[in-house]
């Protein structure tokens, strides 16, 4: 949901409750996005440290399925234009 700043200020308790129950609440100033109110769990999920991409791929359920994760270092093929 989107709130104008003056409405969000006047109904801050409601904005916070909705962020916890329904998800992020956007706040606008002069019709332009200015801020977002998040629940603590949404915030933690956003700032959580993530493994490097290659480690993520190696831990995936597809690991060992034949998907290659090594970089192909051969030169690019030649294309006739």
N, C-alpha and C. Protein backbone atom coordinates (compact mmCIF):
# COMPACT_ATOMS: atom_id res chain seq x y z
N UNK A 1 0.83 -1.18 0.00
CA UNK A 1 0.00 0.00 0.00
C UNK A 1 0.87 1.24 0.00
N UNK A 2 0.36 2.31 -0.56
CA UNK A 2 1.09 3.57 -0.62
C UNK A 2 0.38 4.62 0.22
N UNK A 3 1.17 5.37 0.97
CA UNK A 3 0.65 6.41 1.86
C UNK A 3 1.29 7.74 1.50
N UNK A 4 0.50 8.81 1.54
CA UNK A 4 1.07 10.14 1.47
C UNK A 4 1.69 10.42 2.84
N UNK A 5 2.77 11.18 2.86
CA UNK A 5 3.50 11.42 4.10
C UNK A 5 2.60 11.93 5.21
N UNK A 6 1.75 12.90 4.94
CA UNK A 6 0.92 13.45 6.01
C UNK A 6 -0.04 12.40 6.56
N UNK A 7 -0.55 11.50 5.72
CA UNK A 7 -1.42 10.43 6.20
C UNK A 7 -0.64 9.41 7.02
N UNK A 8 0.56 9.08 6.56
CA UNK A 8 1.40 8.12 7.28
C UNK A 8 1.76 8.66 8.67
N UNK A 9 2.05 9.95 8.76
CA UNK A 9 2.36 10.55 10.06
C UNK A 9 1.16 10.49 10.99
N UNK A 10 0.00 10.81 10.47
CA UNK A 10 -1.21 10.83 11.29
C UNK A 10 -1.66 9.43 11.71
N UNK A 11 -1.31 8.42 10.90
CA UNK A 11 -1.77 7.05 11.17
C UNK A 11 -0.59 6.08 11.27
N UNK A 12 0.47 6.53 11.91
CA UNK A 12 1.70 5.74 11.99
C UNK A 12 1.46 4.35 12.57
N UNK A 13 0.66 4.24 13.62
CA UNK A 13 0.39 2.93 14.21
C UNK A 13 -0.20 1.98 13.19
N UNK A 14 -1.12 2.48 12.39
CA UNK A 14 -1.74 1.64 11.36
C UNK A 14 -0.73 1.24 10.28
N UNK A 15 0.12 2.18 9.89
CA UNK A 15 1.15 1.89 8.88
C UNK A 15 2.06 0.78 9.38
N UNK A 16 2.48 0.85 10.64
CA UNK A 16 3.36 -0.16 11.22
C UNK A 16 2.66 -1.51 11.29
N UNK A 17 1.43 -1.53 11.76
CA UNK A 17 0.68 -2.80 11.84
C UNK A 17 0.51 -3.43 10.47
N UNK A 18 0.20 -2.62 9.46
CA UNK A 18 0.05 -3.15 8.11
C UNK A 18 1.37 -3.68 7.56
N UNK A 19 2.46 -3.02 7.90
CA UNK A 19 3.77 -3.51 7.46
C UNK A 19 4.04 -4.89 8.05
N UNK A 20 3.63 -5.11 9.29
CA UNK A 20 3.83 -6.40 9.94
C UNK A 20 2.90 -7.46 9.37
N UNK A 21 1.67 -7.09 9.07
CA UNK A 21 0.66 -8.06 8.66
C UNK A 21 0.61 -8.29 7.15
N UNK A 22 0.80 -7.24 6.37
CA UNK A 22 0.58 -7.34 4.93
C UNK A 22 1.82 -7.13 4.08
N UNK A 23 2.87 -6.57 4.68
CA UNK A 23 4.09 -6.34 3.91
C UNK A 23 4.46 -4.87 3.86
N UNK A 24 5.50 -4.56 3.12
CA UNK A 24 6.04 -3.20 3.06
C UNK A 24 4.99 -2.15 2.70
N UNK A 25 5.11 -1.00 3.36
CA UNK A 25 4.21 0.14 3.14
C UNK A 25 5.04 1.29 2.57
N UNK A 26 4.66 1.76 1.40
CA UNK A 26 5.38 2.83 0.72
C UNK A 26 4.85 4.19 1.18
N UNK A 27 5.76 5.13 1.33
CA UNK A 27 5.39 6.49 1.71
C UNK A 27 5.87 7.43 0.61
N UNK A 28 4.97 8.31 0.17
CA UNK A 28 5.31 9.23 -0.90
C UNK A 28 5.31 10.67 -0.40
N UNK A 29 6.08 11.51 -1.09
CA UNK A 29 6.10 12.95 -0.84
C UNK A 29 5.90 13.60 -2.21
N UNK A 30 4.84 14.36 -2.32
CA UNK A 30 4.47 15.00 -3.58
C UNK A 30 4.32 13.96 -4.70
N UNK A 31 3.77 12.79 -4.33
CA UNK A 31 3.51 11.75 -5.32
C UNK A 31 4.70 10.92 -5.73
N UNK A 32 5.87 11.18 -5.15
CA UNK A 32 7.07 10.43 -5.50
C UNK A 32 7.49 9.56 -4.32
N UNK A 33 7.96 8.33 -4.58
CA UNK A 33 8.39 7.45 -3.50
C UNK A 33 9.47 8.11 -2.64
N UNK A 34 9.29 8.03 -1.31
CA UNK A 34 10.24 8.67 -0.40
C UNK A 34 10.79 7.69 0.64
N UNK A 35 9.98 6.71 1.05
CA UNK A 35 10.41 5.78 2.10
C UNK A 35 9.53 4.54 2.06
N UNK A 36 10.02 3.51 2.75
CA UNK A 36 9.25 2.26 2.88
C UNK A 36 9.34 1.81 4.32
N UNK A 37 8.21 1.44 4.90
CA UNK A 37 8.17 0.89 6.26
C UNK A 37 8.12 -0.62 6.12
N UNK A 38 9.07 -1.30 6.77
CA UNK A 38 9.18 -2.76 6.71
C UNK A 38 9.01 -3.37 8.08
N UNK A 39 8.54 -4.61 8.10
CA UNK A 39 8.52 -5.36 9.35
C UNK A 39 9.96 -5.76 9.67
N UNK A 40 10.26 -6.07 10.93
CA UNK A 40 11.62 -6.50 11.27
C UNK A 40 12.05 -7.74 10.49
N UNK A 41 11.14 -8.69 10.26
CA UNK A 41 11.52 -9.90 9.53
C UNK A 41 11.85 -9.58 8.08
N UNK A 42 11.09 -8.69 7.44
CA UNK A 42 11.41 -8.28 6.06
C UNK A 42 12.76 -7.58 6.02
N UNK A 43 13.02 -6.73 6.99
CA UNK A 43 14.29 -6.01 7.03
C UNK A 43 15.46 -6.98 7.20
N UNK A 44 15.35 -7.92 8.14
CA UNK A 44 16.42 -8.90 8.37
C UNK A 44 16.68 -9.71 7.10
N UNK A 45 15.62 -10.08 6.40
CA UNK A 45 15.78 -10.86 5.17
C UNK A 45 16.55 -10.05 4.13
N UNK A 46 16.28 -8.75 4.05
CA UNK A 46 16.96 -7.91 3.06
C UNK A 46 18.44 -7.69 3.37
N UNK A 47 18.78 -7.58 4.64
CA UNK A 47 20.16 -7.27 5.00
C UNK A 47 20.98 -8.50 5.38
N UNK A 48 20.36 -9.67 5.33
CA UNK A 48 21.08 -10.89 5.70
C UNK A 48 22.25 -11.11 4.75
N UNK A 49 23.34 -11.61 5.31
CA UNK A 49 24.50 -11.91 4.49
C UNK A 49 24.21 -13.13 3.65
N UNK A 50 24.59 -13.09 2.42
CA UNK A 50 24.35 -14.19 1.50
C UNK A 50 25.68 -14.77 1.06
N UNK A 51 25.68 -16.08 0.78
CA UNK A 51 26.94 -16.67 0.30
C UNK A 51 27.27 -16.15 -1.09
N UNK A 52 28.53 -16.21 -1.48
CA UNK A 52 28.89 -15.83 -2.85
C UNK A 52 28.09 -16.68 -3.85
N UNK A 53 27.89 -16.16 -5.03
CA UNK A 53 27.05 -16.84 -6.02
C UNK A 53 27.50 -18.27 -6.30
N UNK A 54 28.80 -18.47 -6.48
CA UNK A 54 29.29 -19.81 -6.79
C UNK A 54 28.98 -20.77 -5.65
N UNK A 55 29.12 -20.33 -4.41
CA UNK A 55 28.79 -21.18 -3.26
C UNK A 55 27.29 -21.49 -3.25
N UNK A 56 26.47 -20.51 -3.57
CA UNK A 56 25.03 -20.71 -3.66
C UNK A 56 24.71 -21.80 -4.68
N UNK A 57 25.33 -21.74 -5.84
CA UNK A 57 25.11 -22.75 -6.89
C UNK A 57 25.57 -24.12 -6.41
N UNK A 58 26.71 -24.18 -5.77
CA UNK A 58 27.24 -25.47 -5.29
C UNK A 58 26.34 -26.11 -4.24
N UNK A 59 25.62 -25.31 -3.46
CA UNK A 59 24.72 -25.84 -2.43
C UNK A 59 23.31 -26.14 -2.96
N UNK A 60 23.05 -25.80 -4.19
CA UNK A 60 21.70 -25.96 -4.73
C UNK A 60 21.33 -27.43 -4.90
N UNK A 61 20.04 -27.72 -4.97
CA UNK A 61 19.60 -29.10 -5.20
C UNK A 61 20.07 -29.63 -6.55
N UNK A 62 20.47 -28.77 -7.45
CA UNK A 62 20.94 -29.20 -8.76
C UNK A 62 22.43 -29.56 -8.78
N UNK A 63 23.11 -29.36 -7.65
CA UNK A 63 24.53 -29.70 -7.59
C UNK A 63 24.69 -31.18 -7.90
N UNK A 64 25.65 -31.50 -8.75
CA UNK A 64 25.87 -32.88 -9.14
C UNK A 64 24.96 -33.35 -10.26
N UNK A 65 24.18 -32.45 -10.83
CA UNK A 65 23.25 -32.84 -11.88
C UNK A 65 23.85 -32.71 -13.27
N UNK A 66 25.11 -32.36 -13.33
CA UNK A 66 25.75 -32.20 -14.62
C UNK A 66 25.85 -30.75 -15.07
N UNK A 67 25.28 -29.83 -14.32
CA UNK A 67 25.39 -28.42 -14.65
C UNK A 67 26.81 -27.98 -14.32
N UNK A 68 27.48 -27.40 -15.32
CA UNK A 68 28.87 -27.00 -15.12
C UNK A 68 28.94 -25.61 -14.49
N UNK A 69 29.78 -25.47 -13.48
CA UNK A 69 29.94 -24.17 -12.82
C UNK A 69 31.31 -23.56 -13.13
N UNK A 70 32.15 -24.29 -13.87
CA UNK A 70 33.46 -23.74 -14.21
C UNK A 70 33.30 -22.81 -15.41
N UNK A 71 34.15 -21.81 -15.44
CA UNK A 71 34.11 -20.86 -16.55
C UNK A 71 34.83 -21.44 -17.75
N UNK A 72 34.22 -21.30 -18.91
CA UNK A 72 34.84 -21.72 -20.16
C UNK A 72 35.79 -20.62 -20.59
N UNK A 73 37.08 -20.88 -20.59
CA UNK A 73 38.07 -19.86 -20.90
C UNK A 73 38.53 -19.90 -22.36
N UNK A 74 37.88 -20.69 -23.19
CA UNK A 74 38.26 -20.74 -24.60
C UNK A 74 37.88 -19.42 -25.27
N UNK A 75 38.64 -19.07 -26.32
CA UNK A 75 38.30 -17.81 -27.01
C UNK A 75 36.92 -17.88 -27.65
N UNK A 76 36.34 -16.73 -27.83
CA UNK A 76 35.01 -16.66 -28.44
C UNK A 76 35.09 -17.14 -29.88
N UNK A 77 33.99 -17.68 -30.36
CA UNK A 77 33.98 -18.15 -31.75
C UNK A 77 33.95 -16.96 -32.70
N UNK A 78 34.44 -17.19 -33.89
CA UNK A 78 34.44 -16.13 -34.89
C UNK A 78 33.12 -16.12 -35.61
N UNK A 79 32.59 -14.93 -35.84
CA UNK A 79 31.31 -14.77 -36.51
C UNK A 79 31.54 -13.97 -37.78
N UNK A 80 31.04 -14.49 -38.88
CA UNK A 80 31.15 -13.78 -40.15
C UNK A 80 29.93 -12.89 -40.30
N UNK A 81 30.18 -11.60 -40.49
CA UNK A 81 29.07 -10.65 -40.66
C UNK A 81 28.93 -10.21 -42.09
